[in-house]
Amino acid sequence: MVDKFSQAKIKHHYVWASYLRNWSLNERDVYYTTAKGNIACDSVKGLAMEKDFYKSKRLTKEHLEHVNTFASLFPEGRQDAHIDILNGCLYVQKIEDIGKSLGNKEIQEIINTNLSNYLEFLHSYHEDSALEIIKSLAKGDLTILSDDKRLSDFSLFLGHQVFRTKKMKAVANTIISNIDTTKSRNVSRSINECWWFLSYMFGINLGLDLFGTRHDDGHCLLINNTSVPFITSDHPVIDIPLTMREENRLSGARNVDFYYPISPKIAYMIKAGDRLGSSKVEVTDNEADEMNSNIAKRANVHIFGDSESAIKPYRKQLDFG
């Protein structure tokens, strides 16, 4: 039997397949929109996935300049963590160079496996850390996040889920390429080449931000017993400009909240500046519809639901442009 760690994982899910099963009626298949806007029902194993999406690529001097530029914008205490991860990537590059110089096919295969698996295994680690948390939240139990270690793990998971998606990669490219100069086009190309590393670095930073403001923000479960089940998408963690419970907001706070659907009946929200703490809120049909609309508008290609009727009203809100 071949050890899974010695196999190259080329099917990289940018949304966790285990998470998508929360919308499955048979623990395997979910309803979703296709790239052409149709509705289909297939196994989660082949959805929100792209071959070699996280495969490590060689970091050039130009790439390292971008990495260091962005890292310098983060709080000083976090830069060491980014350097440690970067050094791990550069070490793999050195091993790759040695392998090439030896011309050994077996060594080359091992190196290729490491390139495919390095970031995928890091994301798998964060997913494993969040597994029991998401299971508890899906049951309506928010108390699991009263433990700081659990909340830290979940915050990092959410941070990575924001930046690891295909949609976020496209957004980053669009922002840079909209600056119509030769230099910006070269920068856009270069950032696209090293996005596999930048996305992980940004994910860590956002996760640490979310955890760092835990005493200022409210952590809320939205309970959905309406006729409008929550849907999710291939970009499932979104920031929204206002909370649904405006009366719970305190003035002077961050002007966005983070929303993450957990299942058709449960969603998780971080309410900016809401020092009233953790809570559960029953949503209305209109509120559930509003959340679903936000999810659909921010999706890349796919929205997911537990039935065709759950996602059909939101197909036209997908932006394929």
C-alpha atoms as a PDB file:
ATOM      1  CA  MET A   1       0.000   0.000   0.000  1.00  0.00           C
ATOM      2  CA  VAL A   2       1.367   3.430  -0.971  1.00  0.00           C
ATOM      3  CA  ASP A   3       1.642   5.999   1.829  1.00  0.00           C
ATOM      4  CA  LYS A   4      -0.658   8.939   1.064  1.00  0.00           C
ATOM      5  CA  PHE A   5       2.181  11.324   1.923  1.00  0.00           C
ATOM      6  CA  SER A   6       4.296   9.853  -0.889  1.00  0.00           C
ATOM      7  CA  GLN A   7       1.561  10.445  -3.459  1.00  0.00           C
ATOM      8  CA  ALA A   8       1.177  13.697  -5.324  1.00  0.00           C
ATOM      9  CA  LYS A   9      -2.235  15.233  -4.613  1.00  0.00           C
ATOM     10  CA  ILE A  10      -3.110  17.051  -7.814  1.00  0.00           C
ATOM     11  CA  LYS A  11      -6.841  17.522  -7.220  1.00  0.00           C
ATOM     12  CA  HIS A  12      -6.838  20.623  -5.069  1.00  0.00           C
ATOM     13  CA  HIS A  13     -10.155  21.697  -3.539  1.00  0.00           C
ATOM     14  CA  TYR A  14     -10.336  25.415  -2.831  1.00  0.00           C
ATOM     15  CA  VAL A  15     -13.547  24.773  -0.879  1.00  0.00           C
ATOM     16  CA  TRP A  16     -13.464  21.875   1.547  1.00  0.00           C
ATOM     17  CA  ALA A  17     -15.370  18.865   0.183  1.00  0.00           C
ATOM     18  CA  SER A  18     -16.298  17.751   3.708  1.00  0.00           C
ATOM     19  CA  TYR A  19     -17.898  21.153   4.305  1.00  0.00           C
ATOM     20  CA  LEU A  20     -19.987  20.922   1.125  1.00  0.00           C
ATOM     21  CA  ARG A  21     -21.438  17.615   2.356  1.00  0.00           C
ATOM     22  CA  ASN A  22     -23.480  19.634   4.848  1.00  0.00           C
ATOM     23  CA  TRP A  23     -25.739  20.377   1.861  1.00  0.00           C
ATOM     24  CA  SER A  24     -25.897  16.750   0.717  1.00  0.00           C
ATOM     25  CA  LEU A  25     -28.858  14.473   1.314  1.00  0.00           C
ATOM     26  CA  ASN A  26     -26.764  11.328   0.795  1.00  0.00           C
ATOM     27  CA  GLU A  27     -23.350  12.379   2.198  1.00  0.00           C
ATOM     28  CA  ARG A  28     -21.973  12.645  -1.353  1.00  0.00           C
ATOM     29  CA  ASP A  29     -23.948  14.680  -3.884  1.00  0.00           C
ATOM     30  CA  VAL A  30     -25.004  18.327  -3.828  1.00  0.00           C
ATOM     31  CA  TYR A  31     -27.004  20.542  -6.156  1.00  0.00           C
ATOM     32  CA  TYR A  32     -24.941  23.266  -7.795  1.00  0.00           C
ATOM     33  CA  THR A  33     -24.774  25.695 -10.692  1.00  0.00           C
ATOM     34  CA  THR A  34     -22.497  24.772 -13.585  1.00  0.00           C
ATOM     35  CA  ALA A  35     -20.202  27.121 -15.489  1.00  0.00           C
ATOM     36  CA  LYS A  36     -23.029  27.651 -18.003  1.00  0.00           C
ATOM     37  CA  GLY A  37     -25.548  28.513 -15.293  1.00  0.00           C
ATOM     38  CA  ASN A  38     -27.399  25.209 -15.374  1.00  0.00           C
ATOM     39  CA  ILE A  39     -28.246  23.207 -12.265  1.00  0.00           C
ATOM     40  CA  ALA A  40     -26.723  19.761 -11.722  1.00  0.00           C
ATOM     41  CA  CYS A  41     -26.250  17.297  -8.872  1.00  0.00           C
ATOM     42  CA  ASP A  42     -22.899  15.530  -8.458  1.00  0.00           C
ATOM     43  CA  SER A  43     -20.352  14.320  -5.933  1.00  0.00           C
ATOM     44  CA  VAL A  44     -18.577  16.997  -3.913  1.00  0.00           C
ATOM     45  CA  LYS A  45     -15.248  15.336  -4.751  1.00  0.00           C
ATOM     46  CA  GLY A  46     -15.218  16.917  -8.197  1.00  0.00           C
ATOM     47  CA  LEU A  47     -16.561  20.355  -7.252  1.00  0.00           C
ATOM     48  CA  ALA A  48     -14.746  23.589  -6.326  1.00  0.00           C
ATOM     49  CA  MET A  49     -11.576  21.824  -7.400  1.00  0.00           C
ATOM     50  CA  GLU A  50      -8.807  22.497  -9.886  1.00  0.00           C
ATOM     51  CA  LYS A  51      -5.801  20.363 -10.723  1.00  0.00           C
ATOM     52  CA  ASP A  52      -2.563  21.715  -9.237  1.00  0.00           C
ATOM     53  CA  PHE A  53      -4.310  24.877  -7.999  1.00  0.00           C
ATOM     54  CA  TYR A  54      -2.020  25.016  -4.939  1.00  0.00           C
ATOM     55  CA  LYS A  55       1.069  23.480  -6.532  1.00  0.00           C
ATOM     56  CA  SER A  56       4.178  25.285  -5.342  1.00  0.00           C
ATOM     57  CA  LYS A  57       6.004  27.067  -8.128  1.00  0.00           C
ATOM     58  CA  ARG A  58       9.513  28.442  -8.116  1.00  0.00           C
ATOM     59  CA  LEU A  59       9.802  31.757  -6.319  1.00  0.00           C
ATOM     60  CA  THR A  60      12.056  34.117  -8.242  1.00  0.00           C
ATOM     61  CA  LYS A  61      13.759  37.263  -6.982  1.00  0.00           C
ATOM     62  CA  GLU A  62      10.844  39.268  -8.401  1.00  0.00           C
ATOM     63  CA  HIS A  63       8.318  37.088  -6.561  1.00  0.00           C
ATOM     64  CA  LEU A  64      10.235  37.476  -3.300  1.00  0.00           C
ATOM     65  CA  GLU A  65      10.121  41.250  -3.691  1.00  0.00           C
ATOM     66  CA  HIS A  66       6.314  41.099  -3.864  1.00  0.00           C
ATOM     67  CA  VAL A  67       6.165  38.759  -0.872  1.00  0.00           C
ATOM     68  CA  ASN A  68       8.401  41.017   1.215  1.00  0.00           C
ATOM     69  CA  THR A  69       6.470  44.134   0.156  1.00  0.00           C
ATOM     70  CA  PHE A  70       3.154  42.677   1.316  1.00  0.00           C
ATOM     71  CA  ALA A  71       4.680  41.138   4.447  1.00  0.00           C
ATOM     72  CA  SER A  72       6.055  44.535   5.460  1.00  0.00           C
ATOM     73  CA  LEU A  73       2.471  45.830   5.679  1.00  0.00           C
ATOM     74  CA  PHE A  74       1.592  43.306   8.389  1.00  0.00           C
ATOM     75  CA  PRO A  75       2.193  43.851  12.119  1.00  0.00           C
ATOM     76  CA  GLU A  76       5.844  43.291  12.981  1.00  0.00           C
ATOM     77  CA  GLY A  77       5.161  40.328  15.248  1.00  0.00           C
ATOM     78  CA  ARG A  78       3.637  38.350  12.373  1.00  0.00           C
ATOM     79  CA  GLN A  79       6.483  38.710   9.937  1.00  0.00           C
ATOM     80  CA  ASP A  80       8.535  35.942  11.559  1.00  0.00           C
ATOM     81  CA  ALA A  81       5.744  33.440  10.907  1.00  0.00           C
ATOM     82  CA  HIS A  82       5.640  34.414   7.233  1.00  0.00           C
ATOM     83  CA  ILE A  83       9.428  34.130   6.984  1.00  0.00           C
ATOM     84  CA  ASP A  84       9.327  30.621   8.480  1.00  0.00           C
ATOM     85  CA  ILE A  85       6.799  29.478   5.878  1.00  0.00           C
ATOM     86  CA  LEU A  86       8.755  31.195   3.108  1.00  0.00           C
ATOM     87  CA  ASN A  87      11.979  29.511   4.222  1.00  0.00           C
ATOM     88  CA  GLY A  88      10.217  26.148   4.024  1.00  0.00           C
ATOM     89  CA  CYS A  89       9.293  26.864   0.400  1.00  0.00           C
ATOM     90  CA  LEU A  90      12.818  28.003  -0.450  1.00  0.00           C
ATOM     91  CA  TYR A  91      14.214  24.852   1.146  1.00  0.00           C
ATOM     92  CA  VAL A  92      12.053  22.745  -1.178  1.00  0.00           C
ATOM     93  CA  GLN A  93      13.441  24.755  -4.100  1.00  0.00           C
ATOM     94  CA  LYS A  94      17.001  23.961  -3.020  1.00  0.00           C
ATOM     95  CA  ILE A  95      16.169  20.263  -2.828  1.00  0.00           C
ATOM     96  CA  GLU A  96      14.626  20.544  -6.286  1.00  0.00           C
ATOM     97  CA  ASP A  97      17.851  22.036  -7.654  1.00  0.00           C
ATOM     98  CA  ILE A  98      19.917  19.251  -6.097  1.00  0.00           C
ATOM     99  CA  GLY A  99      17.588  16.625  -7.538  1.00  0.00           C
ATOM    100  CA  LYS A 100      17.849  18.100 -11.020  1.00  0.00           C
ATOM    101  CA  SER A 101      21.639  18.181 -10.830  1.00  0.00           C
ATOM    102  CA  LEU A 102      21.698  14.480  -9.924  1.00  0.00           C
ATOM    103  CA  GLY A 103      19.397  13.565 -12.783  1.00  0.00           C
ATOM    104  CA  ASN A 104      17.713  10.895 -10.636  1.00  0.00           C
ATOM    105  CA  LYS A 105      14.158  10.118 -11.795  1.00  0.00           C
ATOM    106  CA  GLU A 106      13.043   8.777  -8.407  1.00  0.00           C
ATOM    107  CA  ILE A 107      14.258  11.895  -6.631  1.00  0.00           C
ATOM    108  CA  GLN A 108      12.482  14.035  -9.225  1.00  0.00           C
ATOM    109  CA  GLU A 109       9.209  12.238  -8.502  1.00  0.00           C
ATOM    110  CA  ILE A 110       9.608  12.844  -4.765  1.00  0.00           C
ATOM    111  CA  ILE A 111      10.292  16.518  -5.410  1.00  0.00           C
ATOM    112  CA  ASN A 112       7.257  16.838  -7.675  1.00  0.00           C
ATOM    113  CA  THR A 113       5.150  15.240  -4.941  1.00  0.00           C
ATOM    114  CA  ASN A 114       6.396  17.814  -2.434  1.00  0.00           C
ATOM    115  CA  LEU A 115       5.582  20.651  -4.829  1.00  0.00           C
ATOM    116  CA  SER A 116       2.025  19.354  -5.265  1.00  0.00           C
ATOM    117  CA  ASN A 117       1.436  18.568  -1.611  1.00  0.00           C
ATOM    118  CA  TYR A 118       3.155  21.339   0.346  1.00  0.00           C
ATOM    119  CA  LEU A 119       0.334  23.883   0.433  1.00  0.00           C
ATOM    120  CA  GLU A 120      -2.405  21.271   0.113  1.00  0.00           C
ATOM    121  CA  PHE A 121      -1.260  19.635   3.348  1.00  0.00           C
ATOM    122  CA  LEU A 122      -1.112  23.009   5.103  1.00  0.00           C
ATOM    123  CA  HIS A 123      -4.738  23.639   4.140  1.00  0.00           C
ATOM    124  CA  SER A 124      -5.641  20.090   5.205  1.00  0.00           C
ATOM    125  CA  TYR A 125      -4.134  20.830   8.613  1.00  0.00           C
ATOM    126  CA  HIS A 126      -6.377  23.872   9.055  1.00  0.00           C
ATOM    127  CA  GLU A 127      -9.401  21.876   7.848  1.00  0.00           C
ATOM    128  CA  ASP A 128      -8.702  19.096  10.339  1.00  0.00           C
ATOM    129  CA  SER A 129      -8.390  21.687  13.116  1.00  0.00           C
ATOM    130  CA  ALA A 130     -11.814  23.087  12.204  1.00  0.00           C
ATOM    131  CA  LEU A 131     -13.606  19.752  11.717  1.00  0.00           C
ATOM    132  CA  GLU A 132     -15.076  19.293  15.204  1.00  0.00           C
ATOM    133  CA  ILE A 133     -15.828  23.004  15.449  1.00  0.00           C
ATOM    134  CA  ILE A 134     -17.934  23.001  12.291  1.00  0.00           C
ATOM    135  CA  LYS A 135     -19.717  19.839  13.438  1.00  0.00           C
ATOM    136  CA  SER A 136     -20.635  21.550  16.716  1.00  0.00           C
ATOM    137  CA  LEU A 137     -21.762  24.739  14.986  1.00  0.00           C
ATOM    138  CA  ALA A 138     -23.903  22.683  12.597  1.00  0.00           C
ATOM    139  CA  LYS A 139     -25.697  21.335  15.682  1.00  0.00           C
ATOM    140  CA  GLY A 140     -26.314  24.867  16.926  1.00  0.00           C
ATOM    141  CA  ASP A 141     -23.609  24.690  19.612  1.00  0.00           C
ATOM    142  CA  LEU A 142     -21.634  27.932  19.779  1.00  0.00           C
ATOM    143  CA  THR A 143     -20.005  27.170  23.145  1.00  0.00           C
ATOM    144  CA  ILE A 144     -17.145  25.301  21.477  1.00  0.00           C
ATOM    145  CA  LEU A 145     -15.713  28.690  20.486  1.00  0.00           C
ATOM    146  CA  SER A 146     -15.489  29.822  24.111  1.00  0.00           C
ATOM    147  CA  ASP A 147     -12.131  28.033  24.155  1.00  0.00           C
ATOM    148  CA  ASP A 148      -9.436  30.351  22.769  1.00  0.00           C
ATOM    149  CA  LYS A 149      -7.503  27.532  21.096  1.00  0.00           C
ATOM    150  CA  ARG A 150     -10.619  26.437  19.218  1.00  0.00           C
ATOM    151  CA  LEU A 151     -11.457  30.011  18.263  1.00  0.00           C
ATOM    152  CA  SER A 152      -7.893  30.579  17.076  1.00  0.00           C
ATOM    153  CA  ASP A 153      -8.023  27.454  14.905  1.00  0.00           C
ATOM    154  CA  PHE A 154     -11.391  28.448  13.447  1.00  0.00           C
ATOM    155  CA  SER A 155     -10.292  32.040  12.816  1.00  0.00           C
ATOM    156  CA  LEU A 156      -7.280  30.814  10.840  1.00  0.00           C
ATOM    157  CA  PHE A 157      -9.485  28.396   8.914  1.00  0.00           C
ATOM    158  CA  LEU A 158     -11.861  31.236   7.989  1.00  0.00           C
ATOM    159  CA  GLY A 159      -8.990  33.518   7.007  1.00  0.00           C
ATOM    160  CA  HIS A 160      -7.615  30.900   4.648  1.00  0.00           C
ATOM    161  CA  GLN A 161     -11.050  30.099   3.237  1.00  0.00           C
ATOM    162  CA  VAL A 162     -11.368  33.737   2.192  1.00  0.00           C
ATOM    163  CA  PHE A 163      -8.066  33.831   0.323  1.00  0.00           C
ATOM    164  CA  ARG A 164      -7.646  30.274  -0.978  1.00  0.00           C
ATOM    165  CA  THR A 165     -10.494  30.404  -3.507  1.00  0.00           C
ATOM    166  CA  LYS A 166     -10.328  30.794  -7.260  1.00  0.00           C
ATOM    167  CA  LYS A 167     -12.578  33.848  -6.948  1.00  0.00           C
ATOM    168  CA  MET A 168     -10.143  35.690  -4.694  1.00  0.00           C
ATOM    169  CA  LYS A 169      -7.272  34.952  -7.061  1.00  0.00           C
ATOM    170  CA  ALA A 170      -9.314  36.426  -9.921  1.00  0.00           C
ATOM    171  CA  VAL A 171     -10.235  39.491  -7.846  1.00  0.00           C
ATOM    172  CA  ALA A 172      -6.580  40.166  -7.017  1.00  0.00           C
ATOM    173  CA  ASN A 173      -5.608  39.882 -10.672  1.00  0.00           C
ATOM    174  CA  THR A 174      -8.433  42.183 -11.745  1.00  0.00           C
ATOM    175  CA  ILE A 175      -7.518  44.901  -9.259  1.00  0.00           C
ATOM    176  CA  ILE A 176      -3.909  44.983 -10.397  1.00  0.00           C
ATOM    177  CA  SER A 177      -4.545  44.610 -14.128  1.00  0.00           C
ATOM    178  CA  ASN A 178      -7.065  47.488 -14.089  1.00  0.00           C
ATOM    179  CA  ILE A 179      -4.094  49.812 -13.716  1.00  0.00           C
ATOM    180  CA  ASP A 180      -3.389  50.060 -17.435  1.00  0.00           C
ATOM    181  CA  THR A 181       0.385  50.298 -17.616  1.00  0.00           C
ATOM    182  CA  THR A 182       3.084  47.926 -18.807  1.00  0.00           C
ATOM    183  CA  LYS A 183       4.514  47.832 -15.301  1.00  0.00           C
ATOM    184  CA  SER A 184       1.175  46.872 -13.756  1.00  0.00           C
ATOM    185  CA  ARG A 185       0.710  44.096 -16.308  1.00  0.00           C
ATOM    186  CA  ASN A 186       4.112  42.701 -15.401  1.00  0.00           C
ATOM    187  CA  VAL A 187       3.292  42.985 -11.709  1.00  0.00           C
ATOM    188  CA  SER A 188      -0.053  41.260 -12.296  1.00  0.00           C
ATOM    189  CA  ARG A 189       1.670  38.391 -14.094  1.00  0.00           C
ATOM    190  CA  SER A 190       4.263  38.079 -11.360  1.00  0.00           C
ATOM    191  CA  ILE A 191       1.724  38.147  -8.512  1.00  0.00           C
ATOM    192  CA  ASN A 192      -0.394  35.575 -10.318  1.00  0.00           C
ATOM    193  CA  GLU A 193       2.654  33.285 -10.476  1.00  0.00           C
ATOM    194  CA  CYS A 194       3.301  33.486  -6.741  1.00  0.00           C
ATOM    195  CA  TRP A 195      -0.344  33.772  -5.637  1.00  0.00           C
ATOM    196  CA  TRP A 196      -0.153  30.234  -4.256  1.00  0.00           C
ATOM    197  CA  PHE A 197       2.140  31.613  -1.524  1.00  0.00           C
ATOM    198  CA  LEU A 198       0.637  35.095  -1.149  1.00  0.00           C
ATOM    199  CA  SER A 199      -2.854  33.668  -0.633  1.00  0.00           C
ATOM    200  CA  TYR A 200      -1.628  31.564   2.280  1.00  0.00           C
ATOM    201  CA  MET A 201       0.185  34.536   3.795  1.00  0.00           C
ATOM    202  CA  PHE A 202      -2.910  36.751   3.495  1.00  0.00           C
ATOM    203  CA  GLY A 203      -5.059  33.985   4.991  1.00  0.00           C
ATOM    204  CA  ILE A 204      -2.869  33.791   8.070  1.00  0.00           C
ATOM    205  CA  ASN A 205      -2.982  37.551   8.500  1.00  0.00           C
ATOM    206  CA  LEU A 206      -6.782  37.746   8.251  1.00  0.00           C
ATOM    207  CA  GLY A 207      -7.188  34.799  10.615  1.00  0.00           C
ATOM    208  CA  LEU A 208      -4.962  36.476  13.192  1.00  0.00           C
ATOM    209  CA  ASP A 209      -6.931  39.716  12.757  1.00  0.00           C
ATOM    210  CA  LEU A 210     -10.229  37.918  13.397  1.00  0.00           C
ATOM    211  CA  PHE A 211      -8.829  36.233  16.489  1.00  0.00           C
ATOM    212  CA  GLY A 212      -7.191  39.439  17.697  1.00  0.00           C
ATOM    213  CA  THR A 213     -10.527  41.296  17.760  1.00  0.00           C
ATOM    214  CA  ARG A 214     -12.405  38.452  19.491  1.00  0.00           C
ATOM    215  CA  HIS A 215     -13.108  40.564  22.585  1.00  0.00           C
ATOM    216  CA  ASP A 216     -14.495  43.424  20.499  1.00  0.00           C
ATOM    217  CA  ASP A 217     -16.607  41.426  18.046  1.00  0.00           C
ATOM    218  CA  GLY A 218     -19.704  39.313  18.522  1.00  0.00           C
ATOM    219  CA  HIS A 219     -19.823  35.717  17.326  1.00  0.00           C
ATOM    220  CA  CYS A 220     -23.299  34.737  16.273  1.00  0.00           C
ATOM    221  CA  LEU A 221     -25.130  31.685  14.961  1.00  0.00           C
ATOM    222  CA  LEU A 222     -27.958  32.414  12.557  1.00  0.00           C
ATOM    223  CA  ILE A 223     -30.686  29.806  12.973  1.00  0.00           C
ATOM    224  CA  ASN A 224     -32.772  29.238   9.867  1.00  0.00           C
ATOM    225  CA  ASN A 225     -36.142  27.550  10.396  1.00  0.00           C
ATOM    226  CA  THR A 226     -37.692  29.310   7.422  1.00  0.00           C
ATOM    227  CA  SER A 227     -38.774  28.022   4.028  1.00  0.00           C
ATOM    228  CA  VAL A 228     -35.623  29.589   2.504  1.00  0.00           C
ATOM    229  CA  PRO A 229     -32.646  27.337   3.316  1.00  0.00           C
ATOM    230  CA  PHE A 230     -29.156  28.809   3.372  1.00  0.00           C
ATOM    231  CA  ILE A 231     -27.022  28.166   0.304  1.00  0.00           C
ATOM    232  CA  THR A 232     -23.238  28.327  -0.015  1.00  0.00           C
ATOM    233  CA  SER A 233     -20.774  28.865  -2.847  1.00  0.00           C
ATOM    234  CA  ASP A 234     -17.264  28.350  -4.191  1.00  0.00           C
ATOM    235  CA  HIS A 235     -16.334  31.484  -2.218  1.00  0.00           C
ATOM    236  CA  PRO A 236     -18.200  30.735   1.023  1.00  0.00           C
ATOM    237  CA  VAL A 237     -16.780  33.266   3.502  1.00  0.00           C
ATOM    238  CA  ILE A 238     -17.907  36.766   2.604  1.00  0.00           C
ATOM    239  CA  ASP A 239     -17.753  40.177   4.198  1.00  0.00           C
ATOM    240  CA  ILE A 240     -20.981  42.134   4.241  1.00  0.00           C
ATOM    241  CA  PRO A 241     -21.409  45.861   4.967  1.00  0.00           C
ATOM    242  CA  LEU A 242     -23.994  45.626   7.761  1.00  0.00           C
ATOM    243  CA  THR A 243     -25.159  43.064  10.260  1.00  0.00           C
ATOM    244  CA  MET A 244     -28.719  41.822  10.081  1.00  0.00           C
ATOM    245  CA  ARG A 245     -29.331  42.920  13.649  1.00  0.00           C
ATOM    246  CA  GLU A 246     -28.526  46.608  13.361  1.00  0.00           C
ATOM    247  CA  GLU A 247     -29.717  47.322  16.890  1.00  0.00           C
ATOM    248  CA  ASN A 248     -26.888  45.156  18.258  1.00  0.00           C
ATOM    249  CA  ARG A 249     -24.192  47.258  16.604  1.00  0.00           C
ATOM    250  CA  LEU A 250     -21.987  49.664  18.525  1.00  0.00           C
ATOM    251  CA  SER A 251     -20.870  52.797  16.722  1.00  0.00           C
ATOM    252  CA  GLY A 252     -17.293  53.400  15.645  1.00  0.00           C
ATOM    253  CA  ALA A 253     -16.581  49.788  14.742  1.00  0.00           C
ATOM    254  CA  ARG A 254     -15.287  48.080  11.628  1.00  0.00           C
ATOM    255  CA  ASN A 255     -17.926  48.514   8.922  1.00  0.00           C
ATOM    256  CA  VAL A 256     -18.015  44.920   7.681  1.00  0.00           C
ATOM    257  CA  ASP A 257     -19.066  41.619   9.185  1.00  0.00           C
ATOM    258  CA  PHE A 258     -18.047  38.148   8.080  1.00  0.00           C
ATOM    259  CA  TYR A 259     -20.641  35.570   7.125  1.00  0.00           C
ATOM    260  CA  TYR A 260     -20.115  31.820   6.657  1.00  0.00           C
ATOM    261  CA  PRO A 261     -23.026  29.439   5.984  1.00  0.00           C
ATOM    262  CA  ILE A 262     -22.531  26.144   7.832  1.00  0.00           C
ATOM    263  CA  SER A 263     -25.550  24.186   6.580  1.00  0.00           C
ATOM    264  CA  PRO A 264     -29.032  24.862   5.146  1.00  0.00           C
ATOM    265  CA  LYS A 265     -30.194  25.705   8.674  1.00  0.00           C
ATOM    266  CA  ILE A 266     -27.135  27.251  10.333  1.00  0.00           C
ATOM    267  CA  ALA A 267     -24.780  30.107   9.479  1.00  0.00           C
ATOM    268  CA  TYR A 268     -21.970  31.764  11.405  1.00  0.00           C
ATOM    269  CA  MET A 269     -21.386  35.491  11.591  1.00  0.00           C
ATOM    270  CA  ILE A 270     -18.690  37.645  13.133  1.00  0.00           C
ATOM    271  CA  LYS A 271     -20.358  40.929  14.039  1.00  0.00           C
ATOM    272  CA  ALA A 272     -17.846  43.772  14.025  1.00  0.00           C
ATOM    273  CA  GLY A 273     -17.612  45.802  17.199  1.00  0.00           C
ATOM    274  CA  ASP A 274     -20.494  43.963  18.879  1.00  0.00           C
ATOM    275  CA  ARG A 275     -19.224  43.585  22.436  1.00  0.00           C
ATOM    276  CA  LEU A 276     -22.522  42.065  23.514  1.00  0.00           C
ATOM    277  CA  GLY A 277     -20.850  38.722  22.862  1.00  0.00           C
ATOM    278  CA  SER A 278     -22.004  35.436  21.431  1.00  0.00           C
ATOM    279  CA  SER A 279     -25.612  34.808  20.586  1.00  0.00           C
ATOM    280  CA  LYS A 280     -28.105  32.910  18.479  1.00  0.00           C
ATOM    281  CA  VAL A 281     -30.464  34.734  16.160  1.00  0.00           C
ATOM    282  CA  GLU A 282     -33.474  33.305  14.353  1.00  0.00           C
ATOM    283  CA  VAL A 283     -33.641  34.694  10.833  1.00  0.00           C
ATOM    284  CA  THR A 284     -36.738  35.546   8.841  1.00  0.00           C
ATOM    285  CA  ASP A 285     -37.446  34.470   5.266  1.00  0.00           C
ATOM    286  CA  ASN A 286     -36.356  37.883   4.006  1.00  0.00           C
ATOM    287  CA  GLU A 287     -33.118  37.766   5.970  1.00  0.00           C
ATOM    288  CA  ALA A 288     -32.281  34.269   4.724  1.00  0.00           C
ATOM    289  CA  ASP A 289     -32.974  35.431   1.181  1.00  0.00           C
ATOM    290  CA  GLU A 290     -30.719  38.456   1.690  1.00  0.00           C
ATOM    291  CA  MET A 291     -27.861  36.280   2.915  1.00  0.00           C
ATOM    292  CA  ASN A 292     -28.287  33.904  -0.018  1.00  0.00           C
ATOM    293  CA  SER A 293     -28.235  36.819  -2.437  1.00  0.00           C
ATOM    294  CA  ASN A 294     -24.981  38.055  -0.916  1.00  0.00           C
ATOM    295  CA  ILE A 295     -23.467  34.589  -1.296  1.00  0.00           C
ATOM    296  CA  ALA A 296     -24.579  34.279  -4.936  1.00  0.00           C
ATOM    297  CA  LYS A 297     -23.320  37.729  -5.906  1.00  0.00           C
ATOM    298  CA  ARG A 298     -19.871  36.958  -4.487  1.00  0.00           C
ATOM    299  CA  ALA A 299     -19.584  33.453  -5.955  1.00  0.00           C
ATOM    300  CA  ASN A 300     -17.219  32.612  -8.767  1.00  0.00           C
ATOM    301  CA  VAL A 301     -19.160  29.969 -10.719  1.00  0.00           C
ATOM    302  CA  HIS A 302     -20.859  27.620  -8.285  1.00  0.00           C
ATOM    303  CA  ILE A 303     -23.558  28.081  -5.693  1.00  0.00           C
ATOM    304  CA  PHE A 304     -24.526  24.978  -3.727  1.00  0.00           C
ATOM    305  CA  GLY A 305     -27.756  23.911  -2.073  1.00  0.00           C
ATOM    306  CA  ASP A 306     -29.621  20.915  -0.716  1.00  0.00           C
ATOM    307  CA  SER A 307     -32.142  21.016  -3.567  1.00  0.00           C
ATOM    308  CA  GLU A 308     -32.651  22.466  -7.025  1.00  0.00           C
ATOM    309  CA  SER A 309     -35.355  24.770  -5.705  1.00  0.00           C
ATOM    310  CA  ALA A 310     -32.969  26.157  -3.074  1.00  0.00           C
ATOM    311  CA  ILE A 311     -30.494  27.548  -5.607  1.00  0.00           C
ATOM    312  CA  LYS A 312     -32.723  28.235  -8.605  1.00  0.00           C
ATOM    313  CA  PRO A 313     -33.838  31.730  -7.428  1.00  0.00           C
ATOM    314  CA  TYR A 314     -30.202  32.880  -7.210  1.00  0.00           C
ATOM    315  CA  ARG A 315     -28.781  31.723 -10.546  1.00  0.00           C
ATOM    316  CA  LYS A 316     -29.318  35.094 -12.201  1.00  0.00           C
ATOM    317  CA  GLN A 317     -27.324  36.823  -9.467  1.00  0.00           C
ATOM    318  CA  LEU A 318     -24.146  34.983 -10.419  1.00  0.00           C
ATOM    319  CA  ASP A 319     -21.646  37.218 -12.167  1.00  0.00           C
ATOM    320  CA  PHE A 320     -19.809  35.257 -14.848  1.00  0.00           C
ATOM    321  CA  GLY A 321     -18.081  38.357 -16.113  1.00  0.00           C
END
